[in-house]
């Protein structure tokens, strides 16, 4: 099982040192342009991107999720792919 697999299995921890390092790399970095999860309503979440400018609106990207954990896992996968 890879570090990414272990992170996706338990996004909120606890994590061994290898998974903790990966989680840190995926969650840190510049805020501008970062993929995030926004709550639309109870039980409805969507993928969005934070703006590059301070007063620009958050850009909603499309996919909706029935649970926050489902959305968080998708964001972690996308951030991981962006690192590669």
N, C-alpha and C. Protein backbone atom coordinates (compact mmCIF):
# COMPACT_ATOMS: atom_id res chain seq x y z
N UNK A 1 0.85 -1.18 0.00
CA UNK A 1 0.00 0.00 0.00
C UNK A 1 0.90 1.25 0.00
N UNK A 2 0.64 2.15 -0.92
CA UNK A 2 1.47 3.35 -1.03
C UNK A 2 1.10 4.37 0.05
N UNK A 3 1.95 5.39 0.19
CA UNK A 3 1.67 6.47 1.14
C UNK A 3 0.38 7.17 0.77
N UNK A 4 0.14 7.36 -0.53
CA UNK A 4 -1.10 8.01 -0.97
C UNK A 4 -2.30 7.15 -0.60
N UNK A 5 -2.23 5.85 -0.82
CA UNK A 5 -3.33 4.96 -0.45
C UNK A 5 -3.64 5.04 1.04
N UNK A 6 -2.58 5.07 1.85
CA UNK A 6 -2.77 5.15 3.29
C UNK A 6 -3.36 6.50 3.70
N UNK A 7 -2.95 7.57 3.02
CA UNK A 7 -3.50 8.89 3.31
C UNK A 7 -4.99 8.94 2.93
N UNK A 8 -5.34 8.39 1.77
CA UNK A 8 -6.73 8.41 1.33
C UNK A 8 -7.62 7.55 2.24
N UNK A 9 -7.04 6.50 2.81
CA UNK A 9 -7.81 5.63 3.71
C UNK A 9 -8.16 6.34 5.01
N UNK A 10 -7.30 7.26 5.45
CA UNK A 10 -7.52 7.99 6.70
C UNK A 10 -7.00 9.41 6.55
N UNK A 11 -7.71 10.27 5.80
CA UNK A 11 -7.21 11.62 5.53
C UNK A 11 -6.94 12.47 6.78
N UNK A 12 -7.64 12.19 7.87
CA UNK A 12 -7.46 12.99 9.08
C UNK A 12 -6.52 12.35 10.09
N UNK A 13 -5.91 11.22 9.72
CA UNK A 13 -4.92 10.59 10.59
C UNK A 13 -5.53 9.50 11.45
N UNK A 14 -4.72 8.94 12.31
CA UNK A 14 -3.29 9.23 12.51
C UNK A 14 -2.44 8.72 11.35
N UNK A 15 -1.27 9.33 11.17
CA UNK A 15 -0.40 8.99 10.05
C UNK A 15 0.98 8.57 10.52
N UNK A 16 1.55 7.61 9.80
CA UNK A 16 2.96 7.26 10.04
C UNK A 16 3.80 8.39 9.43
N UNK A 17 5.11 8.44 9.72
CA UNK A 17 5.93 9.55 9.24
C UNK A 17 5.92 9.75 7.72
N UNK A 18 5.90 8.68 6.94
CA UNK A 18 5.89 8.81 5.48
C UNK A 18 4.59 9.46 4.99
N UNK A 19 3.47 9.05 5.55
CA UNK A 19 2.17 9.60 5.16
C UNK A 19 2.05 11.04 5.67
N UNK A 20 2.55 11.30 6.86
CA UNK A 20 2.50 12.67 7.40
C UNK A 20 3.28 13.62 6.51
N UNK A 21 4.43 13.18 6.00
CA UNK A 21 5.23 14.01 5.10
C UNK A 21 4.46 14.29 3.81
N UNK A 22 3.84 13.27 3.25
CA UNK A 22 3.06 13.45 2.03
C UNK A 22 1.89 14.39 2.28
N UNK A 23 1.17 14.21 3.38
CA UNK A 23 0.03 15.07 3.71
C UNK A 23 0.48 16.52 3.84
N UNK A 24 1.60 16.74 4.46
CA UNK A 24 2.13 18.09 4.61
C UNK A 24 2.43 18.71 3.24
N UNK A 25 3.07 17.96 2.36
CA UNK A 25 3.37 18.48 1.01
C UNK A 25 2.10 18.78 0.22
N UNK A 26 1.07 17.96 0.39
CA UNK A 26 -0.17 18.17 -0.36
C UNK A 26 -1.00 19.32 0.20
N UNK A 27 -0.88 19.58 1.48
CA UNK A 27 -1.73 20.59 2.12
C UNK A 27 -1.06 21.95 2.25
N UNK A 28 0.24 21.99 2.14
CA UNK A 28 0.96 23.26 2.28
C UNK A 28 1.12 23.92 0.91
N UNK A 29 1.80 25.02 0.90
CA UNK A 29 2.06 25.71 -0.35
C UNK A 29 1.22 26.97 -0.46
N UNK A 30 1.33 27.64 -1.59
CA UNK A 30 0.59 28.88 -1.76
C UNK A 30 -0.91 28.66 -1.71
N UNK A 31 -1.61 29.61 -1.13
CA UNK A 31 -3.06 29.52 -1.02
C UNK A 31 -3.71 29.85 -2.36
N UNK A 32 -3.18 30.84 -3.06
CA UNK A 32 -3.77 31.27 -4.33
C UNK A 32 -3.79 30.12 -5.32
N UNK A 33 -4.94 29.85 -5.89
CA UNK A 33 -5.08 28.79 -6.88
C UNK A 33 -5.26 27.40 -6.31
N UNK A 34 -5.29 27.27 -5.00
CA UNK A 34 -5.40 25.95 -4.35
C UNK A 34 -6.81 25.38 -4.51
N UNK A 35 -6.87 24.07 -4.75
CA UNK A 35 -8.16 23.37 -4.79
C UNK A 35 -8.70 23.23 -3.38
N UNK A 36 -9.99 23.50 -3.22
CA UNK A 36 -10.63 23.41 -1.92
C UNK A 36 -12.01 22.80 -2.07
N UNK A 37 -12.60 22.46 -0.95
CA UNK A 37 -13.95 21.93 -0.91
C UNK A 37 -14.85 23.00 -0.31
N UNK A 38 -15.96 23.29 -0.96
CA UNK A 38 -16.91 24.25 -0.41
C UNK A 38 -18.22 23.54 -0.09
N UNK A 39 -18.86 23.97 0.98
CA UNK A 39 -20.15 23.42 1.37
C UNK A 39 -21.24 24.19 0.65
N UNK A 40 -22.10 23.46 -0.05
CA UNK A 40 -23.21 24.07 -0.77
C UNK A 40 -24.47 24.06 0.09
N UNK A 41 -24.65 22.98 0.81
CA UNK A 41 -25.80 22.76 1.70
C UNK A 41 -25.44 21.55 2.55
N UNK A 42 -26.21 21.26 3.59
CA UNK A 42 -25.91 20.06 4.36
C UNK A 42 -25.86 18.82 3.46
N UNK A 43 -24.75 18.11 3.49
CA UNK A 43 -24.60 16.90 2.68
C UNK A 43 -24.27 17.15 1.22
N UNK A 44 -23.97 18.37 0.84
CA UNK A 44 -23.60 18.70 -0.54
C UNK A 44 -22.36 19.57 -0.54
N UNK A 45 -21.35 19.10 -1.24
CA UNK A 45 -20.07 19.79 -1.30
C UNK A 45 -19.63 19.87 -2.75
N UNK A 46 -18.75 20.83 -3.06
CA UNK A 46 -18.29 20.99 -4.43
C UNK A 46 -16.81 21.35 -4.45
N UNK A 47 -16.16 21.01 -5.55
CA UNK A 47 -14.78 21.35 -5.78
C UNK A 47 -14.70 22.81 -6.23
N UNK A 48 -13.73 23.53 -5.71
CA UNK A 48 -13.54 24.93 -6.07
C UNK A 48 -12.06 25.26 -6.06
N UNK A 49 -11.72 26.42 -6.62
CA UNK A 49 -10.34 26.89 -6.63
C UNK A 49 -10.32 28.28 -5.99
N UNK A 50 -9.36 28.46 -5.07
CA UNK A 50 -9.22 29.77 -4.45
C UNK A 50 -8.68 30.76 -5.47
N UNK A 51 -9.11 32.02 -5.37
CA UNK A 51 -8.69 33.01 -6.36
C UNK A 51 -7.22 33.39 -6.21
N UNK A 52 -6.65 33.88 -7.29
CA UNK A 52 -5.26 34.35 -7.26
C UNK A 52 -5.18 35.77 -6.71
N UNK A 53 -6.25 36.52 -6.85
CA UNK A 53 -6.29 37.88 -6.32
C UNK A 53 -7.11 37.94 -5.04
N UNK A 54 -6.84 38.91 -4.21
CA UNK A 54 -7.50 39.00 -2.90
C UNK A 54 -9.01 39.20 -2.98
N UNK A 55 -9.48 39.92 -3.96
CA UNK A 55 -10.90 40.26 -4.00
C UNK A 55 -11.67 39.52 -5.08
N UNK A 56 -11.02 38.58 -5.71
CA UNK A 56 -11.68 37.79 -6.76
C UNK A 56 -12.54 36.71 -6.11
N UNK A 57 -13.59 36.29 -6.79
CA UNK A 57 -14.46 35.25 -6.22
C UNK A 57 -13.81 33.86 -6.32
N UNK A 58 -14.27 32.97 -5.45
CA UNK A 58 -13.86 31.57 -5.52
C UNK A 58 -14.47 30.97 -6.77
N UNK A 59 -13.68 30.20 -7.51
CA UNK A 59 -14.15 29.60 -8.76
C UNK A 59 -14.66 28.18 -8.48
N UNK A 60 -15.93 27.96 -8.70
CA UNK A 60 -16.49 26.62 -8.53
C UNK A 60 -16.17 25.81 -9.79
N UNK A 61 -15.62 24.61 -9.62
CA UNK A 61 -15.12 23.83 -10.75
C UNK A 61 -16.09 22.76 -11.25
N UNK A 62 -17.05 22.40 -10.48
CA UNK A 62 -18.01 21.46 -11.03
C UNK A 62 -18.35 20.26 -10.19
N UNK A 63 -17.44 19.31 -10.00
CA UNK A 63 -17.86 18.09 -9.32
C UNK A 63 -18.51 18.36 -7.97
N UNK A 64 -19.60 17.66 -7.70
CA UNK A 64 -20.25 17.73 -6.40
C UNK A 64 -20.08 16.39 -5.69
N UNK A 65 -20.07 16.45 -4.38
CA UNK A 65 -19.85 15.26 -3.56
C UNK A 65 -20.95 15.17 -2.50
N UNK A 66 -21.31 13.96 -2.15
CA UNK A 66 -22.34 13.72 -1.15
C UNK A 66 -21.79 13.78 0.27
N UNK A 67 -20.46 13.71 0.40
CA UNK A 67 -19.85 13.80 1.72
C UNK A 67 -18.54 14.58 1.62
N UNK A 68 -18.18 15.20 2.72
CA UNK A 68 -16.94 15.98 2.76
C UNK A 68 -15.73 15.06 2.55
N UNK A 69 -15.75 13.88 3.13
CA UNK A 69 -14.60 12.97 3.01
C UNK A 69 -14.38 12.55 1.56
N UNK A 70 -15.45 12.34 0.81
CA UNK A 70 -15.35 11.99 -0.60
C UNK A 70 -14.66 13.14 -1.36
N UNK A 71 -15.07 14.36 -1.09
CA UNK A 71 -14.45 15.52 -1.72
C UNK A 71 -13.01 15.71 -1.32
N UNK A 72 -12.71 15.53 -0.04
CA UNK A 72 -11.34 15.66 0.44
C UNK A 72 -10.42 14.65 -0.24
N UNK A 73 -10.89 13.44 -0.39
CA UNK A 73 -10.07 12.42 -1.06
C UNK A 73 -9.81 12.78 -2.52
N UNK A 74 -10.81 13.31 -3.21
CA UNK A 74 -10.62 13.73 -4.59
C UNK A 74 -9.61 14.87 -4.68
N UNK A 75 -9.70 15.82 -3.78
CA UNK A 75 -8.75 16.94 -3.78
C UNK A 75 -7.33 16.44 -3.51
N UNK A 76 -7.17 15.53 -2.56
CA UNK A 76 -5.84 14.98 -2.29
C UNK A 76 -5.27 14.27 -3.52
N UNK A 77 -6.12 13.50 -4.21
CA UNK A 77 -5.66 12.83 -5.45
C UNK A 77 -5.23 13.86 -6.49
N UNK A 78 -6.01 14.90 -6.68
CA UNK A 78 -5.70 15.93 -7.66
C UNK A 78 -4.41 16.67 -7.30
N UNK A 79 -4.24 17.00 -6.04
CA UNK A 79 -3.00 17.68 -5.61
C UNK A 79 -1.80 16.77 -5.80
N UNK A 80 -1.98 15.47 -5.54
CA UNK A 80 -0.89 14.52 -5.72
C UNK A 80 -0.49 14.47 -7.20
N UNK A 81 -1.47 14.38 -8.08
CA UNK A 81 -1.18 14.35 -9.52
C UNK A 81 -0.48 15.63 -9.98
N UNK A 82 -0.85 16.76 -9.38
CA UNK A 82 -0.22 18.03 -9.74
C UNK A 82 1.24 18.08 -9.31
N UNK A 83 1.61 17.33 -8.28
CA UNK A 83 3.00 17.29 -7.83
C UNK A 83 3.90 16.44 -8.75
N UNK A 84 3.31 15.52 -9.45
CA UNK A 84 4.07 14.57 -10.25
C UNK A 84 4.64 15.18 -11.48
